[in-house]
């Protein structure tokens, strides 16, 4: 495989803890100055319910359940902005119990052929080890 840049790259920050999903609404983030009012108004809201909140902004997807809070972006220039949003959020919600944190990087690469795709897979996870 030739060295190449990924077609898509993403960052996800996932917290495990005890959350109140209803707090995590676009309007709340805007009221706290964590996102712009226009972003809150233009948010694509999938669901706001006591058990789960899911919405997306142009640069961020957020999903919160009672046990998990996950924020994701596929726009590298927003990695620092997402970090600042997270720090600001949990500074305000400082009594929210957080138990675990996961930081995940996703990369999608276009392969030249199916053969190169398989060759990469065999290199990444050699069959003789499995």
N, C-alpha and C. Protein backbone atom coordinates (compact mmCIF):
# COMPACT_ATOMS: atom_id res chain seq x y z
N UNK A 1 0.84 -1.18 0.00
CA UNK A 1 0.00 0.00 0.00
C UNK A 1 0.88 1.24 0.00
N UNK A 2 0.62 2.15 -0.89
CA UNK A 2 1.34 3.41 -0.92
C UNK A 2 0.88 4.30 0.22
N UNK A 3 1.82 5.10 0.74
CA UNK A 3 1.45 6.05 1.79
C UNK A 3 0.48 7.06 1.18
N UNK A 4 -0.63 7.24 1.82
CA UNK A 4 -1.62 8.17 1.32
C UNK A 4 -2.41 8.73 2.49
N UNK A 5 -3.08 9.82 2.21
CA UNK A 5 -3.94 10.43 3.23
C UNK A 5 -5.29 9.73 3.22
N UNK A 6 -5.95 9.67 4.36
CA UNK A 6 -7.28 9.05 4.39
C UNK A 6 -8.29 9.89 3.62
N UNK A 7 -9.30 9.23 3.04
CA UNK A 7 -10.40 9.93 2.38
C UNK A 7 -11.27 10.61 3.44
N UNK A 8 -11.47 9.93 4.55
CA UNK A 8 -12.28 10.44 5.66
C UNK A 8 -11.52 10.16 6.93
N UNK A 9 -11.51 11.12 7.82
CA UNK A 9 -10.88 10.93 9.12
C UNK A 9 -11.83 11.50 10.17
N UNK A 10 -11.98 10.80 11.28
CA UNK A 10 -12.89 11.26 12.30
C UNK A 10 -12.34 11.07 13.69
N UNK A 11 -12.89 11.83 14.61
CA UNK A 11 -12.53 11.76 16.01
C UNK A 11 -13.80 11.59 16.82
N UNK A 12 -13.79 10.61 17.72
CA UNK A 12 -14.92 10.41 18.64
C UNK A 12 -14.39 10.43 20.06
N UNK A 13 -15.08 11.14 20.92
CA UNK A 13 -14.79 11.15 22.34
C UNK A 13 -16.02 10.57 23.02
N UNK A 14 -15.81 9.50 23.79
CA UNK A 14 -16.92 8.79 24.41
C UNK A 14 -16.67 8.72 25.92
N UNK A 15 -17.68 9.14 26.67
CA UNK A 15 -17.63 9.07 28.12
C UNK A 15 -18.64 8.04 28.60
N UNK A 16 -18.26 7.27 29.58
CA UNK A 16 -19.21 6.44 30.32
C UNK A 16 -19.39 7.09 31.67
N UNK A 17 -20.62 7.16 32.12
CA UNK A 17 -20.91 7.81 33.40
C UNK A 17 -22.39 7.77 33.68
N UNK A 18 -22.85 8.72 34.46
CA UNK A 18 -24.26 8.84 34.82
C UNK A 18 -24.74 10.20 34.32
N UNK A 19 -25.51 10.19 33.23
CA UNK A 19 -25.91 11.42 32.55
C UNK A 19 -27.41 11.64 32.63
N UNK A 20 -27.80 12.91 32.54
CA UNK A 20 -29.19 13.30 32.38
C UNK A 20 -29.33 13.79 30.94
N UNK A 21 -29.73 12.92 30.03
CA UNK A 21 -29.73 13.28 28.60
C UNK A 21 -30.48 14.56 28.27
N UNK A 22 -31.58 14.84 28.98
CA UNK A 22 -32.40 16.01 28.62
C UNK A 22 -31.63 17.32 28.68
N UNK A 23 -30.57 17.38 29.48
CA UNK A 23 -29.76 18.61 29.55
C UNK A 23 -29.08 18.88 28.22
N UNK A 24 -28.63 17.85 27.54
CA UNK A 24 -27.76 17.96 26.37
C UNK A 24 -28.56 18.29 25.11
N UNK A 25 -29.14 19.47 25.08
CA UNK A 25 -29.92 19.93 23.94
C UNK A 25 -29.22 21.11 23.28
N UNK A 26 -29.43 21.31 22.00
CA UNK A 26 -28.79 22.45 21.34
C UNK A 26 -29.08 23.78 22.04
N UNK A 27 -30.31 23.98 22.49
CA UNK A 27 -30.66 25.24 23.16
C UNK A 27 -29.86 25.43 24.44
N UNK A 28 -29.62 24.35 25.19
CA UNK A 28 -28.83 24.45 26.42
C UNK A 28 -27.39 24.84 26.11
N UNK A 29 -26.80 24.20 25.10
CA UNK A 29 -25.42 24.53 24.71
C UNK A 29 -25.32 26.00 24.30
N UNK A 30 -26.31 26.50 23.56
CA UNK A 30 -26.30 27.90 23.14
C UNK A 30 -26.48 28.83 24.34
N UNK A 31 -27.38 28.48 25.24
CA UNK A 31 -27.62 29.31 26.43
C UNK A 31 -26.37 29.42 27.30
N UNK A 32 -25.54 28.39 27.26
CA UNK A 32 -24.30 28.39 28.04
C UNK A 32 -23.14 29.01 27.28
N UNK A 33 -23.36 29.43 26.05
CA UNK A 33 -22.30 30.03 25.24
C UNK A 33 -21.32 29.02 24.69
N UNK A 34 -21.72 27.75 24.65
CA UNK A 34 -20.83 26.69 24.17
C UNK A 34 -20.92 26.49 22.66
N UNK A 35 -22.07 26.85 22.08
CA UNK A 35 -22.23 26.90 20.62
C UNK A 35 -22.98 28.19 20.31
N UNK A 36 -22.93 28.60 19.06
CA UNK A 36 -23.63 29.81 18.64
C UNK A 36 -25.14 29.55 18.59
N UNK A 37 -25.91 30.59 18.83
CA UNK A 37 -27.37 30.49 18.77
C UNK A 37 -27.84 29.97 17.41
N UNK A 38 -27.20 30.45 16.35
CA UNK A 38 -27.58 30.02 15.00
C UNK A 38 -27.34 28.51 14.84
N UNK A 39 -26.23 28.00 15.40
CA UNK A 39 -25.98 26.55 15.33
C UNK A 39 -27.09 25.78 16.03
N UNK A 40 -27.51 26.27 17.18
CA UNK A 40 -28.58 25.60 17.94
C UNK A 40 -29.87 25.58 17.13
N UNK A 41 -30.18 26.70 16.51
CA UNK A 41 -31.42 26.79 15.72
C UNK A 41 -31.37 25.90 14.48
N UNK A 42 -30.18 25.70 13.91
CA UNK A 42 -30.04 24.90 12.69
C UNK A 42 -29.70 23.44 12.97
N UNK A 43 -29.59 23.07 14.25
CA UNK A 43 -29.24 21.69 14.60
C UNK A 43 -30.26 20.72 14.03
N UNK A 44 -29.77 19.57 13.59
CA UNK A 44 -30.64 18.50 13.13
C UNK A 44 -30.89 17.60 14.35
N UNK A 45 -32.07 17.73 14.93
CA UNK A 45 -32.42 16.97 16.13
C UNK A 45 -33.08 15.66 15.72
N UNK A 46 -32.47 14.55 16.14
CA UNK A 46 -33.05 13.24 15.88
C UNK A 46 -34.06 12.88 16.97
N UNK A 47 -33.67 13.12 18.24
CA UNK A 47 -34.56 12.80 19.35
C UNK A 47 -34.10 13.55 20.60
N UNK A 48 -35.08 14.04 21.35
CA UNK A 48 -34.85 14.57 22.68
C UNK A 48 -35.86 13.89 23.58
N UNK A 49 -35.35 13.08 24.48
CA UNK A 49 -36.18 12.21 25.34
C UNK A 49 -35.44 12.05 26.66
N UNK A 50 -36.13 11.78 27.75
CA UNK A 50 -35.42 11.60 29.02
C UNK A 50 -34.34 10.51 28.99
N UNK A 51 -34.46 9.55 28.07
CA UNK A 51 -33.51 8.44 28.01
C UNK A 51 -32.41 8.62 26.97
N UNK A 52 -32.65 9.47 25.98
CA UNK A 52 -31.66 9.64 24.91
C UNK A 52 -31.85 10.98 24.21
N UNK A 53 -30.73 11.62 23.91
CA UNK A 53 -30.73 12.82 23.08
C UNK A 53 -29.74 12.57 21.96
N UNK A 54 -30.15 12.92 20.75
CA UNK A 54 -29.27 12.77 19.60
C UNK A 54 -29.52 13.95 18.66
N UNK A 55 -28.45 14.67 18.35
CA UNK A 55 -28.56 15.75 17.38
C UNK A 55 -27.21 15.95 16.72
N UNK A 56 -27.22 16.70 15.61
CA UNK A 56 -25.97 16.99 14.92
C UNK A 56 -25.97 18.45 14.49
N UNK A 57 -24.77 18.99 14.47
CA UNK A 57 -24.50 20.31 13.93
C UNK A 57 -23.75 20.10 12.63
N UNK A 58 -23.40 21.16 11.96
CA UNK A 58 -22.66 21.02 10.71
C UNK A 58 -21.34 20.29 10.92
N UNK A 59 -20.76 20.38 12.10
CA UNK A 59 -19.42 19.86 12.37
C UNK A 59 -19.37 18.80 13.47
N UNK A 60 -20.50 18.49 14.09
CA UNK A 60 -20.51 17.63 15.28
C UNK A 60 -21.76 16.78 15.32
N UNK A 61 -21.58 15.53 15.78
CA UNK A 61 -22.73 14.68 16.12
C UNK A 61 -22.62 14.37 17.60
N UNK A 62 -23.73 14.44 18.31
CA UNK A 62 -23.75 14.18 19.74
C UNK A 62 -24.89 13.22 20.06
N UNK A 63 -24.58 12.22 20.88
CA UNK A 63 -25.60 11.29 21.35
C UNK A 63 -25.34 11.03 22.83
N UNK A 64 -26.39 11.19 23.63
CA UNK A 64 -26.27 10.98 25.07
C UNK A 64 -27.40 10.06 25.54
N UNK A 65 -27.01 9.03 26.27
CA UNK A 65 -27.97 8.17 26.97
C UNK A 65 -27.68 8.32 28.46
N UNK A 66 -28.38 7.59 29.28
CA UNK A 66 -28.13 7.68 30.73
C UNK A 66 -26.73 7.20 31.10
N UNK A 67 -26.13 6.32 30.29
CA UNK A 67 -24.82 5.74 30.62
C UNK A 67 -23.67 6.23 29.74
N UNK A 68 -23.98 6.90 28.62
CA UNK A 68 -22.92 7.22 27.67
C UNK A 68 -23.16 8.59 27.02
N UNK A 69 -22.05 9.30 26.81
CA UNK A 69 -22.07 10.56 26.07
C UNK A 69 -21.01 10.45 24.98
N UNK A 70 -21.43 10.57 23.72
CA UNK A 70 -20.50 10.42 22.59
C UNK A 70 -20.58 11.64 21.69
N UNK A 71 -19.42 12.21 21.40
CA UNK A 71 -19.31 13.35 20.49
C UNK A 71 -18.38 12.94 19.36
N UNK A 72 -18.76 13.27 18.12
CA UNK A 72 -18.00 12.83 16.95
C UNK A 72 -17.92 13.95 15.93
N UNK A 73 -16.76 14.07 15.29
CA UNK A 73 -16.62 14.96 14.15
C UNK A 73 -15.75 14.29 13.09
N UNK A 74 -16.03 14.59 11.84
CA UNK A 74 -15.20 14.10 10.75
C UNK A 74 -14.46 15.27 10.10
N UNK A 75 -14.44 16.39 10.79
CA UNK A 75 -13.78 17.58 10.26
C UNK A 75 -12.61 17.94 11.16
N UNK A 76 -11.42 17.61 10.71
CA UNK A 76 -10.21 17.78 11.52
C UNK A 76 -10.03 19.19 12.08
N UNK A 77 -10.38 20.25 11.36
CA UNK A 77 -10.23 21.58 11.94
C UNK A 77 -11.07 21.79 13.21
N UNK A 78 -12.06 20.94 13.43
CA UNK A 78 -12.94 21.08 14.59
C UNK A 78 -12.52 20.21 15.77
N UNK A 79 -11.43 19.49 15.68
CA UNK A 79 -10.98 18.66 16.81
C UNK A 79 -10.78 19.52 18.07
N UNK A 80 -10.13 20.65 17.93
CA UNK A 80 -9.87 21.52 19.08
C UNK A 80 -11.17 22.16 19.55
N UNK A 81 -12.04 22.52 18.63
CA UNK A 81 -13.33 23.10 18.99
C UNK A 81 -14.16 22.08 19.78
N UNK A 82 -14.12 20.82 19.35
CA UNK A 82 -14.84 19.77 20.07
C UNK A 82 -14.27 19.60 21.47
N UNK A 83 -12.95 19.63 21.57
CA UNK A 83 -12.31 19.54 22.89
C UNK A 83 -12.80 20.66 23.79
N UNK A 84 -12.83 21.88 23.26
CA UNK A 84 -13.27 23.02 24.06
C UNK A 84 -14.73 22.89 24.46
N UNK A 85 -15.56 22.35 23.57
CA UNK A 85 -16.97 22.12 23.89
C UNK A 85 -17.09 21.12 25.04
N UNK A 86 -16.31 20.06 24.99
CA UNK A 86 -16.34 19.04 26.04
C UNK A 86 -15.87 19.63 27.37
N UNK A 87 -14.76 20.33 27.36
CA UNK A 87 -14.24 20.92 28.60
C UNK A 87 -15.25 21.91 29.18
N UNK A 88 -15.81 22.77 28.32
CA UNK A 88 -16.81 23.73 28.79
C UNK A 88 -18.04 23.06 29.36
N UNK A 89 -18.49 21.99 28.68
CA UNK A 89 -19.69 21.28 29.13
C UNK A 89 -19.48 20.67 30.51
N UNK A 90 -18.37 19.96 30.68
CA UNK A 90 -18.19 19.26 31.95
C UNK A 90 -17.64 20.16 33.05
N UNK A 91 -17.16 21.35 32.70
CA UNK A 91 -16.89 22.35 33.74
C UNK A 91 -18.21 22.84 34.32
N UNK A 92 -19.20 23.02 33.46
CA UNK A 92 -20.53 23.42 33.93
C UNK A 92 -21.24 22.28 34.67
N UNK A 93 -21.06 21.07 34.18
CA UNK A 93 -21.71 19.89 34.78
C UNK A 93 -20.70 19.13 35.65
N UNK A 94 -20.00 19.85 36.49
CA UNK A 94 -18.89 19.26 37.25
C UNK A 94 -19.31 18.18 38.22
N UNK A 95 -20.59 18.08 38.54
CA UNK A 95 -21.05 17.03 39.45
C UNK A 95 -21.55 15.79 38.70
N UNK A 96 -21.44 15.79 37.38
CA UNK A 96 -21.83 14.62 36.59
C UNK A 96 -20.73 13.56 36.75
N UNK A 97 -21.09 12.39 37.28
CA UNK A 97 -20.07 11.34 37.45
C UNK A 97 -19.60 10.79 36.10
N UNK A 98 -18.30 10.87 35.86
CA UNK A 98 -17.67 10.29 34.68
C UNK A 98 -16.80 9.14 35.13
N UNK A 99 -17.00 7.95 34.53
CA UNK A 99 -16.27 6.76 34.96
C UNK A 99 -15.14 6.36 34.01
N UNK A 100 -15.39 6.53 32.71
CA UNK A 100 -14.40 6.12 31.71
C UNK A 100 -14.43 7.08 30.54
N UNK A 101 -13.32 7.12 29.82
CA UNK A 101 -13.18 7.99 28.67
C UNK A 101 -12.52 7.20 27.55
N UNK A 102 -13.06 7.32 26.36
CA UNK A 102 -12.45 6.72 25.17
C UNK A 102 -12.21 7.79 24.12
N UNK A 103 -11.04 7.75 23.51
CA UNK A 103 -10.71 8.66 22.41
C UNK A 103 -10.43 7.78 21.21
N UNK A 104 -11.21 7.95 20.17
CA UNK A 104 -11.14 7.07 19.01
C UNK A 104 -10.89 7.88 17.74
N UNK A 105 -9.92 7.42 16.96
CA UNK A 105 -9.64 8.01 15.65
C UNK A 105 -10.07 7.00 14.59
N UNK A 106 -10.87 7.45 13.65
CA UNK A 106 -11.30 6.61 12.53
C UNK A 106 -10.69 7.16 11.25
N UNK A 107 -10.19 6.26 10.41
CA UNK A 107 -9.65 6.66 9.11
C UNK A 107 -10.16 5.71 8.05
N UNK A 108 -10.59 6.27 6.94
CA UNK A 108 -11.05 5.49 5.80
C UNK A 108 -10.14 5.78 4.62
N UNK A 109 -9.53 4.73 4.10
CA UNK A 109 -8.61 4.87 2.97
C UNK A 109 -9.21 4.20 1.74
N UNK A 110 -9.03 4.80 0.60
CA UNK A 110 -9.44 4.21 -0.67
C UNK A 110 -8.31 3.30 -1.13
N UNK A 111 -8.62 2.08 -1.48
CA UNK A 111 -7.63 1.12 -1.95
C UNK A 111 -7.68 1.07 -3.48
N UNK A 112 -6.52 0.82 -4.07
CA UNK A 112 -6.42 0.79 -5.53
C UNK A 112 -7.17 -0.39 -6.15
N UNK A 113 -7.22 -1.49 -5.40
CA UNK A 113 -7.88 -2.68 -5.93
C UNK A 113 -8.29 -3.58 -4.76
N UNK A 114 -9.06 -4.59 -5.07
CA UNK A 114 -9.45 -5.55 -4.04
C UNK A 114 -8.22 -6.31 -3.53
N UNK A 115 -7.28 -6.58 -4.42
CA UNK A 115 -6.05 -7.28 -4.02
C UNK A 115 -5.25 -6.45 -3.02
N UNK A 116 -5.13 -5.15 -3.26
CA UNK A 116 -4.38 -4.30 -2.31
C UNK A 116 -5.14 -4.17 -0.99
N UNK A 117 -6.45 -4.18 -1.05
CA UNK A 117 -7.28 -4.14 0.16
C UNK A 117 -7.00 -5.39 1.00
N UNK A 118 -7.02 -6.58 0.36
CA UNK A 118 -6.75 -7.83 1.08
C UNK A 118 -5.31 -7.86 1.60
N UNK A 119 -4.36 -7.39 0.80
CA UNK A 119 -2.96 -7.37 1.23
C UNK A 119 -2.80 -6.52 2.48
N UNK A 120 -3.47 -5.39 2.51
CA UNK A 120 -3.42 -4.54 3.70
C UNK A 120 -4.03 -5.26 4.90
N UNK A 121 -5.16 -5.90 4.69
CA UNK A 121 -5.81 -6.65 5.77
C UNK A 121 -4.94 -7.76 6.31
N UNK A 122 -4.26 -8.49 5.42
CA UNK A 122 -3.37 -9.58 5.86
C UNK A 122 -2.17 -9.03 6.63
N UNK A 123 -1.71 -7.86 6.23
CA UNK A 123 -0.59 -7.23 6.93
C UNK A 123 -1.02 -6.73 8.31
N UNK A 124 -2.21 -6.18 8.38
CA UNK A 124 -2.73 -5.64 9.63
C UNK A 124 -3.08 -6.75 10.62
N UNK A 125 -3.67 -7.81 10.13
CA UNK A 125 -4.06 -8.94 10.99
C UNK A 125 -3.65 -10.23 10.31
N UNK A 126 -2.36 -10.63 10.43
CA UNK A 126 -1.88 -11.84 9.77
C UNK A 126 -2.71 -13.07 10.14
N UNK A 127 -3.12 -13.80 9.14
CA UNK A 127 -3.98 -14.98 9.36
C UNK A 127 -3.31 -16.04 10.21
N UNK A 128 -2.00 -16.22 10.08
CA UNK A 128 -1.35 -17.28 10.84
C UNK A 128 -1.41 -17.02 12.35
N UNK A 129 -1.64 -15.79 12.76
CA UNK A 129 -1.79 -15.51 14.18
C UNK A 129 -3.19 -15.85 14.69
N UNK A 130 -4.14 -15.94 13.76
CA UNK A 130 -5.53 -16.19 14.14
C UNK A 130 -5.87 -17.65 13.87
